[in-house]
Protein backbone atom coordinates (compact mmCIF):
# COMPACT_ATOMS: atom_id res chain seq x y z
CA MET A 1 -12.56 0.28 -53.13
CA THR A 2 -9.11 0.85 -54.67
CA GLU A 3 -6.43 3.49 -54.29
CA ALA A 4 -7.85 5.25 -57.30
CA THR A 5 -11.25 5.66 -55.63
CA THR A 6 -12.03 9.02 -54.04
CA LYS A 7 -11.14 8.88 -50.38
CA LEU A 8 -12.67 10.44 -47.32
CA PRO A 9 -10.67 13.60 -46.44
CA PHE A 10 -9.44 13.89 -42.85
CA LEU A 11 -7.36 16.54 -41.11
CA VAL A 12 -5.01 15.69 -38.22
CA VAL A 13 -3.50 18.60 -36.28
CA SER A 14 -0.76 17.95 -33.71
CA SER A 15 2.61 19.43 -32.89
CA SER A 16 3.93 15.91 -32.25
CA PRO A 17 5.05 13.89 -35.29
CA TYR A 18 4.53 10.79 -33.19
CA MET A 19 0.90 11.61 -32.48
CA ARG A 20 0.29 12.50 -36.13
CA GLY A 21 1.78 9.17 -37.15
CA ILE A 22 -0.47 7.24 -34.77
CA LEU A 23 -3.64 9.04 -35.83
CA LYS A 24 -2.88 8.74 -39.53
CA PHE A 25 -2.10 5.02 -39.25
CA VAL A 26 -5.25 4.27 -37.24
CA LEU A 27 -7.54 6.20 -39.57
CA GLU A 28 -6.03 4.75 -42.74
CA THR A 29 -6.24 1.23 -41.33
CA LEU A 30 -9.93 1.57 -40.47
CA LEU A 31 -11.17 3.76 -43.29
CA HIS A 32 -10.55 4.64 -46.91
CA THR A 33 -9.17 8.02 -45.99
CA GLU A 34 -6.82 10.68 -47.24
CA VAL A 35 -5.22 12.10 -44.13
CA VAL A 36 -3.60 15.53 -44.16
CA GLU A 37 -1.17 16.02 -41.26
CA LEU A 38 -0.42 19.54 -40.01
CA GLU A 39 1.72 20.52 -37.06
CA SER A 40 0.16 23.83 -35.96
CA GLU A 41 -3.11 25.73 -35.62
CA GLU A 42 -1.70 28.36 -37.96
CA LYS A 43 -1.13 25.87 -40.77
CA ALA A 44 -4.50 24.24 -40.08
CA LEU A 45 -6.26 27.60 -40.42
CA LEU A 46 -4.52 28.33 -43.71
CA PHE A 47 -5.35 24.85 -45.00
CA LEU A 48 -9.04 25.10 -44.08
CA LYS A 49 -9.46 28.59 -45.54
CA ASN A 50 -8.08 27.43 -48.88
CA LEU A 51 -10.02 24.17 -48.96
CA GLU A 52 -12.96 24.01 -51.36
CA ALA A 53 -14.81 21.38 -49.27
CA ALA A 54 -14.45 20.80 -45.56
CA PRO A 55 -12.83 17.55 -44.40
CA SER A 56 -15.14 14.86 -43.07
CA MET A 57 -13.39 14.76 -39.70
CA ILE A 58 -10.83 16.82 -37.87
CA VAL A 59 -8.72 15.32 -35.08
CA TYR A 60 -7.05 18.05 -33.06
CA ASP A 61 -4.40 17.39 -30.41
CA TYR A 62 -5.31 20.23 -28.06
CA VAL A 63 -2.50 22.09 -26.28
CA PRO A 64 -3.50 24.89 -23.84
CA ASN A 65 -2.27 28.36 -24.79
CA ALA A 66 -1.06 27.28 -28.22
CA TYR A 67 -0.42 30.06 -30.74
CA LEU A 68 -3.66 31.01 -32.59
CA ILE A 69 -5.70 28.43 -30.67
CA GLU A 70 -8.65 30.80 -30.23
CA ASP A 71 -8.61 31.73 -33.94
CA PHE A 72 -8.48 28.07 -34.92
CA LEU A 73 -11.30 26.97 -32.60
CA GLY A 74 -13.33 30.02 -33.58
CA TYR A 75 -12.96 29.18 -37.26
CA LEU A 76 -14.08 25.62 -36.63
CA ARG A 77 -17.13 26.92 -34.75
CA ASP A 78 -18.12 29.37 -37.50
CA HIS A 79 -17.24 27.50 -40.70
CA SER A 80 -17.28 23.77 -39.99
CA LYS A 81 -20.86 23.20 -38.89
CA THR A 82 -21.14 19.76 -40.48
CA VAL A 83 -17.68 18.46 -39.68
CA SER A 84 -17.07 15.98 -36.86
CA ILE A 85 -14.32 17.41 -34.68
CA ILE A 86 -12.45 15.27 -32.17
CA VAL A 87 -10.35 17.17 -29.68
CA LEU A 88 -7.73 15.18 -27.79
CA VAL A 89 -7.15 16.38 -24.25
CA ASP A 90 -4.92 15.39 -21.36
CA LYS A 91 -7.70 14.11 -19.11
CA LEU A 92 -11.12 15.70 -19.27
CA LYS A 93 -10.26 18.74 -17.18
CA GLU A 94 -12.84 21.42 -16.46
CA GLU A 95 -10.91 24.12 -18.34
CA SER A 96 -10.91 21.92 -21.44
CA LYS A 97 -14.63 21.35 -21.17
CA GLU A 98 -15.35 25.04 -20.64
CA LEU A 99 -13.26 26.12 -23.62
CA LEU A 100 -15.03 23.72 -25.97
CA ARG A 101 -18.50 23.59 -24.39
CA GLU A 102 -20.19 25.95 -26.87
CA ASN A 103 -19.48 23.82 -29.93
CA GLN A 104 -21.87 20.85 -29.97
CA GLN A 105 -20.12 19.12 -32.86
CA ILE A 106 -16.94 18.72 -30.83
CA MET A 107 -16.23 15.45 -29.06
CA LEU A 108 -13.65 15.54 -26.29
CA MET A 109 -11.45 12.45 -26.18
CA ASP A 110 -8.98 11.50 -23.45
CA GLU A 111 -5.54 10.99 -25.01
CA SER A 112 -4.72 8.08 -22.73
CA GLY A 113 -7.48 6.05 -24.39
CA LEU A 114 -5.85 6.26 -27.80
CA PRO A 115 -5.99 4.64 -30.24
CA ASN A 116 -8.90 2.40 -29.21
CA ASN A 117 -11.33 5.22 -28.47
CA LEU A 118 -10.65 6.73 -31.91
CA VAL A 119 -11.14 3.29 -33.45
CA GLU A 120 -14.62 3.01 -31.91
CA VAL A 121 -15.69 6.51 -32.95
CA ALA A 122 -14.46 6.09 -36.53
CA LYS A 123 -16.11 2.68 -36.94
CA ALA A 124 -19.41 3.95 -35.56
CA ALA A 125 -19.39 7.08 -37.73
CA PHE A 126 -18.78 5.21 -40.99
CA GLU A 127 -20.46 1.88 -40.32
CA GLU A 128 -22.16 0.40 -43.38
CA THR A 129 -20.54 2.92 -45.72
CA ALA A 130 -18.14 2.36 -48.58
CA TYR A 131 -15.52 4.21 -46.57
CA LEU A 132 -15.10 1.46 -43.97
CA ASN A 133 -11.87 -0.29 -44.91
CA THR A 134 -11.98 -4.09 -44.85
CA GLU A 135 -9.23 -4.79 -47.38
CA GLU A 136 -6.70 -7.50 -46.63
CA TYR A 137 -3.71 -5.16 -46.77
CA CYS A 138 -3.36 -1.88 -44.86
CA ARG A 139 -0.88 0.80 -45.74
CA ILE A 140 1.60 2.23 -43.27
CA ASP A 141 3.44 5.49 -43.87
CA VAL A 142 7.21 5.00 -43.99
CA LYS A 143 7.55 8.09 -41.76
CA PHE A 144 5.53 6.30 -39.10
CA LEU A 145 7.54 3.12 -39.60
CA SER A 146 10.66 5.09 -38.74
CA ILE A 147 9.14 5.87 -35.33
CA LEU A 148 8.71 2.20 -34.53
CA ASP A 149 11.63 0.32 -32.99
CA GLY A 150 11.58 -2.43 -35.58
CA ILE A 151 8.28 -4.03 -36.45
CA ASN A 152 9.44 -7.65 -36.84
CA LYS A 153 6.42 -8.51 -38.97
CA ASN A 154 5.88 -9.26 -42.65
CA LEU A 155 6.06 -6.06 -44.70
CA PHE A 156 4.89 -5.75 -48.28
CA ILE A 157 5.27 -3.36 -51.18
CA ARG A 158 2.38 -2.75 -53.54
CA ILE A 159 2.78 -3.52 -57.23
CA GLY A 160 -0.22 -2.38 -59.25
CA ASN A 161 -3.75 -2.22 -57.87
CA ASP A 162 -4.00 -5.56 -56.13
CA LYS A 163 -0.58 -7.23 -56.09
CA TYR A 164 1.65 -7.18 -53.00
CA ILE A 165 5.20 -8.50 -52.73
CA LYS A 166 6.78 -9.32 -49.39
CA ILE A 167 10.01 -7.37 -48.84
CA PHE A 168 10.60 -8.15 -45.13
CA ASN A 169 9.84 -11.31 -43.16
CA GLU A 170 8.72 -11.33 -39.55
CA ASP A 171 12.07 -12.87 -38.60
CA ASP A 172 13.96 -9.92 -40.11
CA ASN A 173 15.19 -7.20 -37.76
CA THR A 174 13.60 -4.41 -39.77
CA GLY A 175 15.13 -1.14 -38.63
CA LEU A 176 15.35 2.51 -39.61
CA VAL A 177 18.14 1.98 -42.16
CA ASP A 178 16.05 -0.60 -44.05
CA ILE A 179 13.01 1.69 -44.11
CA LYS A 180 15.02 4.70 -45.29
CA LYS A 181 16.19 2.78 -48.35
CA TYR A 182 12.61 2.67 -49.60
CA GLN A 183 11.95 6.25 -48.54
CA ALA A 184 14.95 7.36 -50.60
CA LYS A 185 13.35 5.69 -53.64
CA GLY A 186 10.28 7.91 -53.26
CA ILE A 187 8.08 5.21 -51.73
CA SER A 188 5.70 6.73 -49.17
CA TYR A 189 3.84 3.63 -48.03
CA LEU A 190 4.54 -0.02 -47.28
CA TYR A 191 1.82 -2.53 -46.39
CA LEU A 192 0.85 -4.88 -43.58
CA THR A 193 -1.80 -7.55 -43.48
CA ARG A 194 -4.96 -6.36 -41.74
CA GLU A 195 -4.32 -8.78 -38.88
CA THR A 196 -0.86 -7.27 -38.31
CA ALA A 197 -2.17 -3.71 -38.59
CA LEU A 198 -4.77 -4.33 -35.89
CA TRP A 199 -2.07 -5.95 -33.74
CA VAL A 200 0.07 -2.82 -34.12
CA ILE A 201 -2.87 -0.66 -33.01
CA ASN A 202 -3.30 -2.84 -29.93
CA GLN A 203 0.40 -2.60 -29.07
CA ILE A 204 0.26 1.18 -29.36
CA GLN A 205 -2.68 1.18 -26.96
CA ASN A 206 -0.64 -0.81 -24.44
CA GLN A 207 2.18 1.75 -24.53
CA ILE A 208 0.28 5.01 -25.00
CA ASP A 209 0.64 6.26 -21.41
CA ILE A 210 4.42 6.21 -21.71
CA PHE A 211 4.34 7.62 -25.22
CA LEU A 212 2.34 10.67 -24.13
CA LYS A 213 5.06 11.64 -21.64
CA PHE A 214 8.06 11.30 -23.95
CA ASN A 215 8.20 12.71 -27.46
CA ASN A 216 11.37 10.75 -28.21
CA PHE A 217 9.72 7.45 -27.32
CA LYS A 218 9.99 4.70 -29.91
CA PHE A 219 7.24 2.11 -29.90
CA VAL A 220 8.64 -1.37 -29.35
CA LEU A 221 6.63 -3.91 -31.33
CA ARG A 222 7.29 -7.58 -30.76
CA GLY A 223 5.45 -10.70 -31.83
CA ALA A 224 4.49 -13.82 -29.91
CA SER A 225 7.18 -15.79 -31.77
CA ASP A 226 9.95 -13.45 -30.59
CA THR A 227 12.48 -14.43 -27.95
CA PRO A 228 11.70 -13.71 -24.27
CA GLU A 229 14.34 -10.96 -24.40
CA LYS A 230 12.51 -9.12 -27.19
CA ARG A 231 9.10 -9.60 -25.60
CA PHE A 232 10.41 -8.29 -22.29
CA GLU A 233 11.82 -5.19 -23.97
CA GLN A 234 8.24 -4.30 -24.83
CA LYS A 235 7.28 -4.42 -21.16
CA ILE A 236 10.23 -2.52 -19.68
CA LEU A 237 11.36 0.51 -21.62
CA ARG A 238 14.38 2.75 -21.08
CA ILE A 239 13.68 6.36 -21.98
CA ASN A 240 15.97 9.27 -21.16
CA ASP A 241 17.91 6.99 -18.80
CA GLU A 242 14.75 6.11 -16.87
CA VAL A 243 12.86 2.82 -16.80
CA HIS A 244 9.12 2.50 -17.43
CA ILE A 245 6.72 -0.43 -17.62
CA ASP A 246 3.46 -0.86 -19.48
CA LYS A 247 0.09 -1.40 -17.79
CA GLU A 248 -0.27 -5.07 -18.73
CA PHE A 249 3.07 -5.97 -17.20
CA ARG A 250 2.40 -3.82 -14.13
CA ASP A 251 -0.85 -5.72 -13.57
CA SER A 252 0.93 -9.09 -13.87
CA ILE A 253 3.52 -8.00 -11.28
CA SER A 254 0.75 -6.87 -8.91
CA LYS A 255 -0.88 -10.32 -9.19
CA THR A 256 2.48 -11.97 -8.39
CA ILE A 257 2.81 -9.77 -5.31
CA GLU A 258 -0.69 -10.76 -4.16
CA LYS A 259 0.12 -14.47 -4.50
CA ILE A 260 3.35 -14.17 -2.52
CA ARG A 261 1.68 -12.03 0.14
CA ALA A 262 -0.96 -14.76 0.54
CA ALA A 263 1.78 -17.40 0.90
CA VAL A 264 3.53 -15.33 3.55
CA GLU A 265 0.28 -14.91 5.50
CA LYS A 266 -0.06 -18.71 5.59
CA GLU A 267 3.07 -18.93 7.73
CA ALA A 268 5.27 -20.32 4.95
CA LYS A 269 8.45 -21.93 6.25
CA ILE A 270 11.98 -21.62 4.87
CA GLU A 271 12.40 -25.40 4.97
CA THR A 272 9.32 -25.90 2.79
CA ILE A 273 10.49 -23.63 0.02
CA LEU A 274 14.05 -25.00 0.14
CA LYS A 275 12.68 -28.51 -0.41
CA SER A 276 10.65 -27.32 -3.41
CA LEU A 277 13.67 -25.90 -5.22
CA ASN A 278 14.78 -27.88 -8.23
CA ASP A 279 17.62 -27.50 -10.65
CA LYS A 280 16.07 -25.97 -13.77
CA PRO A 281 18.22 -24.44 -16.52
CA ASP A 282 15.41 -22.00 -17.37
CA HIS A 283 16.50 -18.61 -16.02
CA HIS A 284 12.86 -17.55 -15.69
CA ALA A 285 12.50 -20.39 -13.14
CA PHE A 286 15.56 -18.99 -11.34
CA PHE A 287 13.99 -15.53 -11.21
CA MET A 288 10.72 -16.84 -9.73
CA GLN A 289 12.57 -19.09 -7.28
CA LYS A 290 14.72 -16.18 -6.12
CA LEU A 291 11.86 -13.74 -5.55
CA ASN A 292 9.83 -16.42 -3.73
CA LEU A 293 12.76 -17.49 -1.55
CA THR A 294 13.79 -13.89 -0.76
CA SER A 295 10.19 -13.00 0.19
CA ILE A 296 9.71 -15.98 2.48
CA VAL A 297 13.09 -15.68 4.19
CA ALA A 298 12.71 -11.93 4.70
CA CYS A 299 9.22 -12.28 6.18
CA VAL A 300 10.19 -15.23 8.41
CA LEU A 301 13.10 -13.20 9.80
CA ALA A 302 10.88 -10.15 10.32
CA LYS A 303 8.42 -12.26 12.30
CA LYS A 304 11.23 -13.75 14.39
CA LEU A 305 12.30 -10.17 15.22
CA ASP A 306 8.67 -9.19 15.99
CA TRP A 307 8.54 -6.81 13.03
CA ILE A 308 5.18 -8.21 12.09
CA SER A 309 3.14 -5.24 10.88
CA LYS A 310 1.37 -5.58 7.53
CA THR A 311 3.32 -2.56 6.29
CA THR A 312 6.65 -4.26 6.99
CA MET A 313 5.58 -7.49 5.30
CA ASP A 314 4.31 -5.58 2.26
CA LYS A 315 7.59 -3.70 1.97
CA LEU A 316 9.56 -6.94 1.95
CA VAL A 317 7.32 -8.66 -0.60
CA TYR A 318 7.25 -5.70 -3.00
CA ALA A 319 11.02 -5.29 -2.76
CA ALA A 320 11.66 -9.02 -3.30
CA VAL A 321 9.50 -9.12 -6.42
CA LEU A 322 10.83 -5.90 -7.97
CA CYS A 323 14.47 -5.51 -6.92
CA ASP A 324 15.81 -7.51 -9.92
CA ILE A 325 12.91 -7.03 -12.32
CA THR A 326 14.97 -5.32 -15.04
CA LEU A 327 17.36 -8.31 -15.14
CA VAL A 328 14.74 -11.02 -15.61
CA VAL A 329 15.72 -11.91 -19.18
CA LYS A 330 19.43 -11.30 -18.66
CA PRO A 331 20.46 -14.58 -16.98
CA ASN A 332 24.13 -13.67 -17.06
CA LEU A 333 23.34 -10.50 -15.10
CA LEU A 334 20.58 -11.86 -12.86
CA LYS A 335 22.94 -14.42 -11.32
CA ILE A 336 25.71 -11.94 -10.42
CA LYS A 337 25.59 -11.95 -6.61
CA ASN A 338 27.61 -8.84 -5.76
CA LEU A 339 29.91 -6.09 -7.00
CA GLN A 340 33.05 -8.17 -6.45
CA GLU A 341 31.74 -10.90 -8.76
CA PHE A 342 30.66 -8.26 -11.28
CA GLU A 343 34.18 -6.78 -11.38
CA SER A 344 35.68 -10.23 -11.98
CA ILE A 345 33.56 -10.83 -15.12
CA LYS A 346 33.12 -7.22 -16.24
CA HIS A 347 35.39 -7.77 -19.25
CA THR A 348 32.95 -10.37 -20.64
CA LEU A 349 29.99 -7.96 -20.59
CA SER A 350 29.01 -5.33 -23.12
CA GLU A 351 28.83 -1.67 -22.08
CA ASP A 352 25.02 -1.87 -22.11
CA GLU A 353 25.04 -4.97 -19.90
CA GLN A 354 27.39 -3.30 -17.43
CA LYS A 355 25.16 -0.25 -17.28
CA ILE A 356 21.98 -2.32 -16.85
CA PHE A 357 23.47 -4.32 -13.98
CA LEU A 358 24.93 -1.35 -12.13
CA SER A 359 21.73 0.68 -12.50
CA HIS A 360 19.22 -2.08 -11.67
CA PRO A 361 18.85 -1.17 -7.96
CA ARG A 362 18.10 2.42 -8.89
CA ASP A 363 15.80 1.33 -11.73
CA ALA A 364 13.82 -0.93 -9.40
CA ALA A 365 13.45 1.86 -6.84
CA GLN A 366 12.16 4.23 -9.54
CA LEU A 367 9.64 1.66 -10.78
CA ILE A 368 8.29 1.14 -7.27
CA LYS A 369 7.84 4.87 -6.68
CA ARG A 370 6.35 5.56 -10.12
CA TYR A 371 4.05 2.59 -10.74
CA PHE A 372 3.20 0.80 -7.49
CA ALA A 373 1.06 3.07 -5.37
CA GLY A 374 0.17 0.08 -3.16
CA ALA A 375 3.76 -0.27 -1.97
CA PRO A 376 4.32 1.28 1.49
CA THR A 377 6.48 4.39 1.88
CA ASP A 378 10.22 3.68 1.70
CA THR A 379 9.81 0.33 -0.08
CA ASP A 380 11.99 1.79 -2.83
CA ALA A 381 14.86 2.12 -0.31
CA LEU A 382 14.92 -1.67 0.18
CA ALA A 383 15.22 -2.25 -3.57
CA TYR A 384 17.82 0.51 -3.91
CA GLN A 385 20.02 -0.94 -1.13
CA HIS A 386 19.67 -4.68 -1.77
CA HIS A 387 23.27 -4.97 -3.07
CA GLU A 388 24.85 -2.83 -0.35
CA LEU A 389 27.22 -4.51 2.13
CA PRO A 390 28.03 -3.42 5.69
CA ASP A 391 31.76 -2.98 5.01
CA GLY A 392 31.01 -0.44 2.25
CA SER A 393 31.96 -2.74 -0.63
CA GLY A 394 28.44 -2.90 -2.10
CA PHE A 395 26.64 -0.70 -4.62
CA PRO A 396 25.18 1.63 -5.82
CA GLY A 397 25.96 3.84 -2.81
CA GLY A 398 28.88 2.05 -1.15
CA LEU A 399 27.02 2.45 2.16
CA ARG A 400 28.54 1.24 5.40
CA ALA A 401 26.53 -0.57 8.11
CA GLU A 402 25.63 2.54 10.11
CA LYS A 403 23.99 4.07 7.00
CA ILE A 404 21.87 0.99 6.26
CA SER A 405 18.47 0.77 7.98
CA PRO A 406 17.62 -2.33 10.07
CA LEU A 407 14.96 -3.44 7.57
CA SER A 408 17.36 -2.99 4.65
CA ALA A 409 19.93 -5.05 6.56
CA LEU A 410 17.35 -7.82 6.94
CA PHE A 411 16.48 -7.66 3.23
CA ILE A 412 20.17 -7.76 2.20
CA VAL A 413 20.69 -10.94 4.23
CA ALA A 414 17.52 -12.52 2.77
CA ASN A 415 18.68 -11.63 -0.75
CA ASP A 416 22.11 -13.14 -0.04
CA PHE A 417 20.43 -16.27 1.36
CA ALA A 418 18.46 -16.73 -1.88
CA TYR A 419 21.55 -16.39 -4.05
CA TYR A 420 23.46 -18.85 -1.89
CA PHE A 421 20.83 -21.60 -1.80
CA LEU A 422 20.04 -21.27 -5.52
CA LEU A 423 23.58 -21.04 -6.90
CA ASP A 424 25.92 -22.85 -4.49
CA ASP A 425 26.86 -26.41 -5.45
CA ASP A 426 26.29 -27.83 -1.96
CA PRO A 427 24.34 -25.31 0.13
CA SER A 428 23.66 -25.82 3.83
CA MET A 429 22.29 -23.63 6.60
CA ASP A 430 25.39 -24.17 8.75
CA ASP A 431 27.68 -23.02 5.94
CA PHE A 432 25.55 -19.94 5.22
CA LEU A 433 25.52 -18.95 8.90
CA LEU A 434 29.34 -19.20 8.99
CA LYS A 435 29.47 -16.84 6.02
CA CYS A 436 27.08 -14.50 7.82
CA HIS A 437 29.34 -14.32 10.88
CA SER A 438 32.27 -13.15 8.74
CA ARG A 439 30.27 -10.97 6.34
CA TYR A 440 27.62 -9.37 8.55
CA ASP A 441 29.21 -8.91 11.98
CA TYR A 442 28.14 -5.26 12.06
CA VAL A 443 25.51 -3.12 13.79
CA ASN A 444 21.97 -3.69 12.38
CA PHE A 445 23.10 -6.97 10.81
CA ARG A 446 24.03 -9.04 13.88
CA LYS A 447 20.48 -9.47 15.13
CA VAL A 448 19.36 -10.53 11.64
CA PHE A 449 21.68 -13.50 11.28
CA LYS A 450 21.07 -14.36 14.95
CA ALA A 451 17.35 -14.52 14.10
CA LEU A 452 18.21 -16.81 11.17
CA ASP A 453 20.15 -19.05 13.55
CA LYS A 454 17.08 -19.26 15.81
CA VAL A 455 14.90 -20.15 12.80
CA ARG A 456 17.29 -22.99 11.95
CA LYS A 457 17.17 -24.39 15.49
CA LYS A 458 13.40 -24.21 15.72
C-alpha cells in the first residue's frame, strides 16, 4: 500500500500536543492511517458533524469536566454506532466507568499503559487487513520530532513513492533547529526504519508515567551505541527543577539494594571489602565501590553501637545506594568529597555541573521519597545530609553538629570513610582515625568514630 492509497481515517482528541503526537505516531507506525488531531471536544464535535463518513476509530483523551464533554460523548453515543472509541483515562476510576458505562462500543484504556496497550488494540482490530502497516519505513510528523530531545537515529526523507534518502545519521545530534529547517520548507514528515520506529514506541512506554505528569516533558531517546552519559540521561530526567527516574532504572536500583542488604545480613566485614578494592579507571566501578563500601561501613558501625534494627539497616543501605545517584556518569563531580574541594575547582566546572553537584543531596532525597516506597521513613534525611559537616561547613544546609541526627552523623562518617579509602594515595585506618579526631570531635559524632576505632581493634 502506498501513500496514494486510501487510508483508514482516525480521529485523535486531546488537549495535550504531546499526547496527540504520541497517538498519531503510534497509529501511523502500525496502520495505514490518516490521523486527524484535534485539541478540544468542541472542535471534535464540529469535525464529526461535517464529516461525510465516520472515522474508523476515535481515541479520546478524557478530562473530567471538560467544556462540552457531555455533548461530545452524547454525540458519539447517538451517531457513531459502528465506530470503535477508545477513551484514555487516568486509572480506571469508578466515576470514569459510570460516565461511559452506557456505551458498549467504548473501550476504557489506562493512560499509564500507553502506547503498548493501544498497539495491541490496533493490531488486533486490523489484523489480516490491508490497513496493517508492514512497510520498511515509517513516517514521523516533524511536529512530534520537535517534542523529542534529539532522536540520535537515522532519519530519512522520502523522494517519490519508494525512494528514501538519509538526511541524518544516528551519530548526529539531531535537535530542534535541524528539524525546523525541514519544517520551514513545508515538509510535514520524515521517516524512520520500522525497527527504529518500534524502538521509539518502546522508549515512550518506558517514560510514559513521567510524561503524563508534565506537559513540558521532552522524551529523551538514546540508542545502545550512545555514551553512558547519554544513556543515563534517559534514566534520570530533570523536569521543572525536579529529578525523576523511569521504571526500568528504578527496578535495577531496587535489585542493587537487595543485593547489598543480603551482603550486610551476612555480617560483611570492613576488612574484606577493603581488600577487594582495586584501582580501576572506570568511574562506574568507583560508583559501585563507593556505595558498597559506604553501606558496609555504615552497617558495621550501627551494629557496633547496637543500632541493629532492620529499619536502621535499610535506611543506611538505601541512602548509600541513592545519595550520589545523579552523579553516576559525572566522574568529575562524583569524586568531589566536600564543599571545600568543590569551591577550589568550581572555576573548572560549567554552570550546569555546579548546579548538579550542589543539588544532588536534595535530588537524592526527592527520589527516595517519590519512588522508593520500601525505604523507611526519614531515609531521605540521610541522603540530604550526607555532605553536612559538624562545624557547619557542609552543604546543602550548613548544619552544625547539634542539628544533625545521630544516624546522619554515622552515615556522614561512613561516606567520608569511603571517599578516603577509594581516593587517597596511601590510605590507612590509623590515618583516617586521626582525621576523624580533628574533623568529628563534636556531639553525635564522637561515639561514631570511637565505634570505628573499636572495629579496627577487633
